[in-house]
N, C-alpha and C. Protein backbone atom coordinates (compact mmCIF):
# COMPACT_ATOMS: atom_id res chain seq x y z
N UNK A 1 -41.98 -10.31 32.13
CA UNK A 1 -42.70 -9.08 32.37
C UNK A 1 -43.02 -8.47 31.01
N UNK A 2 -44.20 -7.99 30.86
CA UNK A 2 -44.64 -7.44 29.59
C UNK A 2 -45.09 -6.01 29.80
N UNK A 3 -44.58 -5.12 29.01
CA UNK A 3 -44.99 -3.72 29.06
C UNK A 3 -45.85 -3.47 27.84
N UNK A 4 -47.06 -3.06 28.06
CA UNK A 4 -47.96 -2.84 26.93
C UNK A 4 -48.52 -1.42 26.98
N UNK A 5 -47.66 -0.45 26.87
CA UNK A 5 -48.10 0.94 26.82
C UNK A 5 -48.00 1.62 28.17
N UNK A 6 -48.64 2.77 28.31
CA UNK A 6 -48.52 3.55 29.53
C UNK A 6 -49.34 3.01 30.70
N UNK A 7 -50.02 1.96 30.52
CA UNK A 7 -50.86 1.39 31.59
C UNK A 7 -50.04 0.63 32.60
N UNK A 8 -50.71 -0.18 33.39
CA UNK A 8 -50.03 -0.95 34.43
C UNK A 8 -49.16 -2.05 33.83
N UNK A 9 -48.20 -2.50 34.61
CA UNK A 9 -47.27 -3.54 34.19
C UNK A 9 -47.85 -4.88 34.61
N UNK A 10 -47.89 -5.82 33.68
CA UNK A 10 -48.42 -7.15 34.02
C UNK A 10 -47.27 -8.14 34.05
N UNK A 11 -47.31 -9.04 34.97
CA UNK A 11 -46.26 -10.03 35.12
C UNK A 11 -46.81 -11.38 34.69
N UNK A 12 -46.76 -11.64 33.36
CA UNK A 12 -47.23 -12.90 32.83
C UNK A 12 -46.07 -13.65 32.21
N UNK A 13 -45.99 -14.93 32.37
CA UNK A 13 -44.92 -15.69 31.71
C UNK A 13 -45.15 -15.69 30.21
N UNK A 14 -44.08 -15.67 29.43
CA UNK A 14 -44.26 -15.66 27.98
C UNK A 14 -44.89 -16.96 27.51
N UNK A 15 -45.75 -16.85 26.50
CA UNK A 15 -46.41 -18.03 25.97
C UNK A 15 -45.62 -18.57 24.80
N UNK A 16 -45.48 -19.89 24.75
CA UNK A 16 -44.73 -20.53 23.67
C UNK A 16 -45.70 -21.15 22.69
N UNK A 17 -45.26 -21.21 21.46
CA UNK A 17 -46.10 -21.84 20.44
C UNK A 17 -46.16 -23.33 20.70
N UNK A 18 -47.28 -23.90 20.44
CA UNK A 18 -47.45 -25.33 20.67
C UNK A 18 -46.67 -26.11 19.62
N UNK A 19 -45.99 -27.17 20.06
CA UNK A 19 -45.21 -27.99 19.14
C UNK A 19 -46.10 -29.05 18.53
N UNK A 20 -45.88 -29.26 17.27
CA UNK A 20 -46.63 -30.32 16.61
C UNK A 20 -45.62 -31.29 16.04
N UNK A 21 -45.46 -32.39 16.56
CA UNK A 21 -44.56 -33.38 16.01
C UNK A 21 -43.17 -33.23 16.56
N UNK A 22 -42.27 -33.85 15.88
CA UNK A 22 -40.93 -33.98 16.40
C UNK A 22 -39.95 -32.89 16.07
N UNK A 23 -40.07 -31.76 15.72
CA UNK A 23 -39.04 -30.74 15.55
C UNK A 23 -38.40 -30.73 14.18
N UNK A 24 -37.29 -31.44 14.01
CA UNK A 24 -36.54 -31.43 12.77
C UNK A 24 -37.02 -32.55 11.86
N UNK A 25 -37.21 -32.25 10.59
CA UNK A 25 -37.62 -33.29 9.66
C UNK A 25 -36.97 -33.04 8.32
N UNK A 26 -36.76 -34.12 7.58
CA UNK A 26 -36.18 -34.07 6.26
C UNK A 26 -37.24 -34.54 5.28
N UNK A 27 -37.33 -33.86 4.16
CA UNK A 27 -38.31 -34.27 3.16
C UNK A 27 -37.97 -35.67 2.67
N UNK A 28 -38.96 -36.50 2.58
CA UNK A 28 -38.71 -37.89 2.19
C UNK A 28 -38.74 -38.02 0.67
N UNK A 29 -37.98 -38.97 0.20
CA UNK A 29 -37.97 -39.25 -1.23
C UNK A 29 -36.91 -38.43 -1.95
N UNK A 30 -36.43 -38.98 -3.04
CA UNK A 30 -35.42 -38.24 -3.80
C UNK A 30 -36.04 -37.08 -4.56
N UNK A 31 -35.46 -35.92 -4.39
CA UNK A 31 -35.93 -34.73 -5.09
C UNK A 31 -35.11 -34.50 -6.34
N UNK A 32 -35.50 -33.55 -7.16
CA UNK A 32 -34.72 -33.28 -8.37
C UNK A 32 -33.37 -32.68 -7.98
N UNK A 33 -32.34 -33.17 -8.61
CA UNK A 33 -31.00 -32.68 -8.33
C UNK A 33 -30.82 -31.32 -8.99
N UNK A 34 -30.32 -30.40 -8.23
CA UNK A 34 -30.10 -29.07 -8.80
C UNK A 34 -28.69 -28.99 -9.35
N UNK A 35 -28.56 -28.32 -10.46
CA UNK A 35 -27.25 -28.17 -11.11
C UNK A 35 -26.40 -27.19 -10.32
N UNK A 36 -25.11 -27.43 -10.27
CA UNK A 36 -24.20 -26.53 -9.56
C UNK A 36 -24.07 -25.23 -10.35
N UNK A 37 -24.18 -24.14 -9.66
CA UNK A 37 -24.06 -22.85 -10.33
C UNK A 37 -22.77 -22.18 -9.90
N UNK A 38 -22.07 -21.55 -10.82
CA UNK A 38 -20.81 -20.88 -10.45
C UNK A 38 -21.10 -19.68 -9.55
N UNK A 39 -20.18 -19.41 -8.67
CA UNK A 39 -20.35 -18.28 -7.77
C UNK A 39 -19.91 -17.00 -8.45
N UNK A 40 -20.41 -15.90 -7.96
CA UNK A 40 -20.05 -14.61 -8.54
C UNK A 40 -18.73 -14.09 -7.99
N UNK A 41 -18.16 -14.75 -6.99
CA UNK A 41 -16.92 -14.29 -6.37
C UNK A 41 -15.74 -14.31 -7.31
N UNK A 42 -15.68 -15.25 -8.22
CA UNK A 42 -14.53 -15.34 -9.13
C UNK A 42 -14.47 -14.15 -10.06
N UNK A 43 -15.61 -13.68 -10.51
CA UNK A 43 -15.58 -12.51 -11.40
C UNK A 43 -15.17 -11.26 -10.63
N UNK A 44 -15.50 -11.19 -9.34
CA UNK A 44 -15.08 -10.06 -8.53
C UNK A 44 -13.58 -10.01 -8.36
N UNK A 45 -12.96 -11.18 -8.21
CA UNK A 45 -11.50 -11.24 -8.06
C UNK A 45 -10.83 -10.80 -9.34
N UNK A 46 -11.38 -11.22 -10.48
CA UNK A 46 -10.79 -10.83 -11.76
C UNK A 46 -10.86 -9.32 -11.96
N UNK A 47 -11.96 -8.70 -11.55
CA UNK A 47 -12.06 -7.26 -11.74
C UNK A 47 -11.11 -6.51 -10.81
N UNK A 48 -10.89 -7.03 -9.60
CA UNK A 48 -9.93 -6.40 -8.69
C UNK A 48 -8.53 -6.51 -9.26
N UNK A 49 -8.20 -7.67 -9.83
CA UNK A 49 -6.88 -7.85 -10.44
C UNK A 49 -6.68 -6.88 -11.60
N UNK A 50 -7.73 -6.65 -12.37
CA UNK A 50 -7.63 -5.71 -13.48
C UNK A 50 -7.40 -4.29 -12.97
N UNK A 51 -8.08 -3.92 -11.89
CA UNK A 51 -7.89 -2.58 -11.32
C UNK A 51 -6.48 -2.40 -10.79
N UNK A 52 -5.95 -3.42 -10.13
CA UNK A 52 -4.58 -3.33 -9.62
C UNK A 52 -3.58 -3.22 -10.75
N UNK A 53 -3.82 -3.93 -11.84
CA UNK A 53 -2.91 -3.85 -12.99
C UNK A 53 -2.93 -2.45 -13.58
N UNK A 54 -4.09 -1.83 -13.63
CA UNK A 54 -4.17 -0.47 -14.15
C UNK A 54 -3.45 0.52 -13.24
N UNK A 55 -3.55 0.31 -11.94
CA UNK A 55 -2.89 1.22 -11.01
C UNK A 55 -1.38 1.07 -11.07
N UNK A 56 -0.89 -0.13 -11.37
CA UNK A 56 0.56 -0.34 -11.43
C UNK A 56 1.16 0.26 -12.68
N UNK A 57 0.37 0.43 -13.70
CA UNK A 57 0.88 0.95 -14.96
C UNK A 57 1.29 2.41 -14.76
N UNK A 58 2.52 2.69 -15.10
CA UNK A 58 3.04 4.04 -14.91
C UNK A 58 2.76 4.89 -16.13
N UNK A 59 1.97 5.90 -15.94
CA UNK A 59 1.75 6.87 -16.99
C UNK A 59 2.80 7.97 -16.87
N UNK A 60 2.77 8.94 -17.75
CA UNK A 60 3.77 10.02 -17.70
C UNK A 60 3.72 10.81 -16.39
N UNK A 61 2.52 11.01 -15.85
CA UNK A 61 2.41 11.77 -14.59
C UNK A 61 3.03 10.99 -13.43
N UNK A 62 2.79 9.68 -13.40
CA UNK A 62 3.34 8.86 -12.31
C UNK A 62 4.86 8.80 -12.42
N UNK A 63 5.38 8.69 -13.64
CA UNK A 63 6.85 8.66 -13.80
C UNK A 63 7.45 10.00 -13.39
N UNK A 64 6.78 11.08 -13.74
CA UNK A 64 7.29 12.41 -13.36
C UNK A 64 7.28 12.57 -11.84
N UNK A 65 6.19 12.11 -11.21
CA UNK A 65 6.08 12.21 -9.76
C UNK A 65 7.19 11.40 -9.08
N UNK A 66 7.47 10.20 -9.59
CA UNK A 66 8.55 9.37 -9.03
C UNK A 66 9.91 10.03 -9.23
N UNK A 67 10.12 10.64 -10.40
CA UNK A 67 11.40 11.30 -10.65
C UNK A 67 11.58 12.49 -9.72
N UNK A 68 10.53 13.25 -9.50
CA UNK A 68 10.61 14.39 -8.57
C UNK A 68 10.88 13.92 -7.15
N UNK A 69 10.24 12.83 -6.76
CA UNK A 69 10.46 12.29 -5.42
C UNK A 69 11.90 11.81 -5.26
N UNK A 70 12.42 11.17 -6.30
CA UNK A 70 13.81 10.70 -6.26
C UNK A 70 14.78 11.87 -6.15
N UNK A 71 14.57 12.90 -6.95
CA UNK A 71 15.43 14.08 -6.90
C UNK A 71 15.37 14.76 -5.55
N UNK A 72 14.17 14.86 -5.00
CA UNK A 72 14.02 15.48 -3.69
C UNK A 72 14.72 14.67 -2.61
N UNK A 73 14.61 13.34 -2.70
CA UNK A 73 15.29 12.47 -1.73
C UNK A 73 16.80 12.61 -1.82
N UNK A 74 17.32 12.68 -3.05
CA UNK A 74 18.77 12.86 -3.22
C UNK A 74 19.23 14.18 -2.62
N UNK A 75 18.48 15.24 -2.88
CA UNK A 75 18.85 16.55 -2.33
C UNK A 75 18.80 16.54 -0.80
N UNK A 76 17.80 15.87 -0.23
CA UNK A 76 17.72 15.77 1.23
C UNK A 76 18.93 15.04 1.81
N UNK A 77 19.35 13.95 1.14
CA UNK A 77 20.51 13.20 1.62
C UNK A 77 21.79 14.00 1.46
N UNK A 78 21.91 14.76 0.38
CA UNK A 78 23.09 15.62 0.20
C UNK A 78 23.15 16.68 1.29
N UNK A 79 21.99 17.23 1.66
CA UNK A 79 21.96 18.21 2.75
C UNK A 79 22.36 17.56 4.07
N UNK A 80 21.95 16.32 4.29
CA UNK A 80 22.32 15.61 5.53
C UNK A 80 23.82 15.37 5.57
N UNK A 81 24.42 15.04 4.42
CA UNK A 81 25.88 14.85 4.36
C UNK A 81 26.58 16.16 4.66
N UNK A 82 26.09 17.24 4.07
CA UNK A 82 26.70 18.56 4.30
C UNK A 82 26.61 18.95 5.77
N UNK A 83 25.45 18.74 6.39
CA UNK A 83 25.28 19.08 7.80
C UNK A 83 26.20 18.24 8.69
N UNK A 84 26.33 16.96 8.36
CA UNK A 84 27.21 16.08 9.15
C UNK A 84 28.66 16.53 9.03
N UNK A 85 29.09 16.88 7.82
CA UNK A 85 30.48 17.32 7.64
C UNK A 85 30.74 18.64 8.34
N UNK A 86 29.77 19.55 8.33
CA UNK A 86 29.93 20.83 9.01
C UNK A 86 29.98 20.65 10.53
N UNK A 87 29.34 19.63 11.03
CA UNK A 87 29.36 19.33 12.47
C UNK A 87 30.63 18.59 12.88
N UNK A 88 31.47 18.22 11.92
CA UNK A 88 32.70 17.51 12.22
C UNK A 88 32.51 16.00 12.25
N UNK A 89 31.36 15.53 11.87
CA UNK A 89 31.08 14.09 11.83
C UNK A 89 31.50 13.55 10.47
N UNK A 90 31.71 12.24 10.40
CA UNK A 90 32.09 11.66 9.10
C UNK A 90 30.87 11.48 8.19
N UNK A 91 29.66 11.51 8.75
CA UNK A 91 28.44 11.42 7.95
C UNK A 91 28.21 10.05 7.34
N UNK A 92 28.66 9.00 8.01
CA UNK A 92 28.57 7.64 7.45
C UNK A 92 27.13 7.23 7.19
N UNK A 93 26.22 7.49 8.12
CA UNK A 93 24.83 7.07 7.93
C UNK A 93 24.18 7.86 6.79
N UNK A 94 24.49 9.15 6.70
CA UNK A 94 23.94 9.96 5.62
C UNK A 94 24.50 9.51 4.27
N UNK A 95 25.79 9.14 4.26
CA UNK A 95 26.40 8.66 3.02
C UNK A 95 25.82 7.31 2.60
N UNK A 96 25.53 6.46 3.56
CA UNK A 96 24.92 5.17 3.23
C UNK A 96 23.53 5.36 2.64
N UNK A 97 22.76 6.27 3.22
CA UNK A 97 21.42 6.55 2.69
C UNK A 97 21.51 7.13 1.28
N UNK A 98 22.50 8.00 1.07
CA UNK A 98 22.71 8.59 -0.26
C UNK A 98 23.09 7.50 -1.26
N UNK A 99 23.97 6.60 -0.86
CA UNK A 99 24.39 5.52 -1.76
C UNK A 99 23.22 4.61 -2.12
N UNK A 100 22.32 4.35 -1.15
CA UNK A 100 21.15 3.51 -1.44
C UNK A 100 20.26 4.16 -2.49
N UNK A 101 20.03 5.46 -2.37
CA UNK A 101 19.14 6.14 -3.34
C UNK A 101 19.79 6.18 -4.71
N UNK A 102 21.10 6.43 -4.76
CA UNK A 102 21.79 6.49 -6.06
C UNK A 102 21.75 5.12 -6.73
N UNK A 103 21.84 4.04 -5.94
CA UNK A 103 21.86 2.69 -6.50
C UNK A 103 20.50 2.24 -7.04
N UNK A 104 19.41 2.89 -6.62
CA UNK A 104 18.08 2.52 -7.10
C UNK A 104 17.97 2.78 -8.60
N UNK A 105 17.16 1.95 -9.24
CA UNK A 105 16.96 2.10 -10.68
C UNK A 105 16.20 3.39 -10.97
N UNK A 106 16.67 4.10 -11.95
CA UNK A 106 16.05 5.36 -12.34
C UNK A 106 15.16 5.11 -13.55
N UNK A 107 13.90 5.49 -13.42
CA UNK A 107 12.95 5.32 -14.51
C UNK A 107 12.97 6.57 -15.39
N UNK A 108 12.85 6.36 -16.67
CA UNK A 108 12.90 7.48 -17.61
C UNK A 108 11.70 8.41 -17.49
N UNK A 109 11.94 9.68 -17.66
CA UNK A 109 10.88 10.68 -17.64
C UNK A 109 10.84 11.36 -18.99
N UNK A 110 9.66 11.60 -19.54
CA UNK A 110 9.59 12.21 -20.86
C UNK A 110 10.07 13.66 -20.91
N UNK A 111 10.20 14.30 -19.75
CA UNK A 111 10.61 15.71 -19.71
C UNK A 111 12.14 15.79 -19.73
N UNK A 112 12.74 16.30 -20.82
CA UNK A 112 14.21 16.37 -20.88
C UNK A 112 14.80 17.33 -19.85
N UNK A 113 14.10 18.38 -19.51
CA UNK A 113 14.59 19.31 -18.50
C UNK A 113 14.72 18.66 -17.13
N UNK A 114 13.73 17.86 -16.77
CA UNK A 114 13.79 17.15 -15.50
C UNK A 114 14.90 16.11 -15.52
N UNK A 115 15.10 15.43 -16.64
CA UNK A 115 16.19 14.47 -16.76
C UNK A 115 17.54 15.15 -16.55
N UNK A 116 17.68 16.35 -17.11
CA UNK A 116 18.93 17.09 -16.98
C UNK A 116 19.20 17.45 -15.52
N UNK A 117 18.18 17.93 -14.83
CA UNK A 117 18.34 18.30 -13.42
C UNK A 117 18.69 17.06 -12.59
N UNK A 118 18.02 15.94 -12.84
CA UNK A 118 18.32 14.71 -12.11
C UNK A 118 19.73 14.22 -12.40
N UNK A 119 20.19 14.39 -13.64
CA UNK A 119 21.57 14.02 -13.97
C UNK A 119 22.56 14.83 -13.15
N UNK A 120 22.31 16.13 -13.02
CA UNK A 120 23.20 16.99 -12.22
C UNK A 120 23.19 16.59 -10.74
N UNK A 121 22.01 16.30 -10.21
CA UNK A 121 21.90 15.91 -8.80
C UNK A 121 22.65 14.60 -8.57
N UNK A 122 22.45 13.63 -9.47
CA UNK A 122 23.13 12.34 -9.31
C UNK A 122 24.64 12.48 -9.47
N UNK A 123 25.09 13.38 -10.34
CA UNK A 123 26.53 13.62 -10.48
C UNK A 123 27.10 14.17 -9.17
N UNK A 124 26.39 15.12 -8.57
CA UNK A 124 26.84 15.69 -7.31
C UNK A 124 26.88 14.62 -6.21
N UNK A 125 25.89 13.74 -6.20
CA UNK A 125 25.86 12.66 -5.21
C UNK A 125 27.03 11.71 -5.43
N UNK A 126 27.33 11.39 -6.69
CA UNK A 126 28.46 10.51 -6.99
C UNK A 126 29.77 11.14 -6.56
N UNK A 127 29.91 12.45 -6.72
CA UNK A 127 31.13 13.15 -6.29
C UNK A 127 31.27 13.06 -4.78
N UNK A 128 30.19 13.27 -4.05
CA UNK A 128 30.26 13.19 -2.59
C UNK A 128 30.61 11.79 -2.12
N UNK A 129 30.06 10.77 -2.78
CA UNK A 129 30.39 9.40 -2.42
C UNK A 129 31.86 9.08 -2.72
N UNK A 130 32.39 9.60 -3.85
CA UNK A 130 33.80 9.37 -4.20
C UNK A 130 34.71 10.08 -3.20
N UNK A 131 34.35 11.31 -2.80
CA UNK A 131 35.15 12.02 -1.81
C UNK A 131 35.17 11.29 -0.47
N UNK A 132 34.04 10.70 -0.12
CA UNK A 132 33.97 9.95 1.15
C UNK A 132 34.85 8.71 1.08
N UNK A 133 34.91 8.05 -0.08
CA UNK A 133 35.76 6.87 -0.23
C UNK A 133 37.23 7.25 -0.12
N UNK A 134 37.61 8.39 -0.69
CA UNK A 134 39.02 8.80 -0.60
C UNK A 134 39.37 9.19 0.83
N UNK A 135 38.43 9.80 1.56
CA UNK A 135 38.69 10.16 2.96
C UNK A 135 38.88 8.91 3.81
N UNK A 136 38.06 7.90 3.54
CA UNK A 136 38.16 6.68 4.36
C UNK A 136 39.38 5.85 3.99
N UNK A 137 39.86 5.96 2.74
CA UNK A 137 41.05 5.22 2.31
C UNK A 137 42.33 5.87 2.85
N UNK A 138 42.28 7.16 3.11
CA UNK A 138 43.53 7.85 3.55
C UNK A 138 43.78 7.72 5.01
């Protein structure tokens, strides 16, 4: 069915182009060999790798952000231990989470004030872990 504007609808079968010859054909005779050309995909991969390497490099802001996140995580775990002890629980899961964070490698931060605060937080966490060990040993 063919619609050709706002006029009447005509019901004509579609017309096909006339075939000339046998359909698929291959050019006869040897043609000039084309040289293999390198693809552009390899250079794209190299540039992505370079971008990822730049993102992994820790600048002072990234190190500071990681240090703040670590300190905040330690304080959150210390609060969880305190809440568990106040509820009369032994706080084993909170202490395990605290021990995991303390065991993580600490990256240096250029800000000495932030280093000092993190040292105090880690000391407090170590004290809580030592107190928990003495409670479990007794």
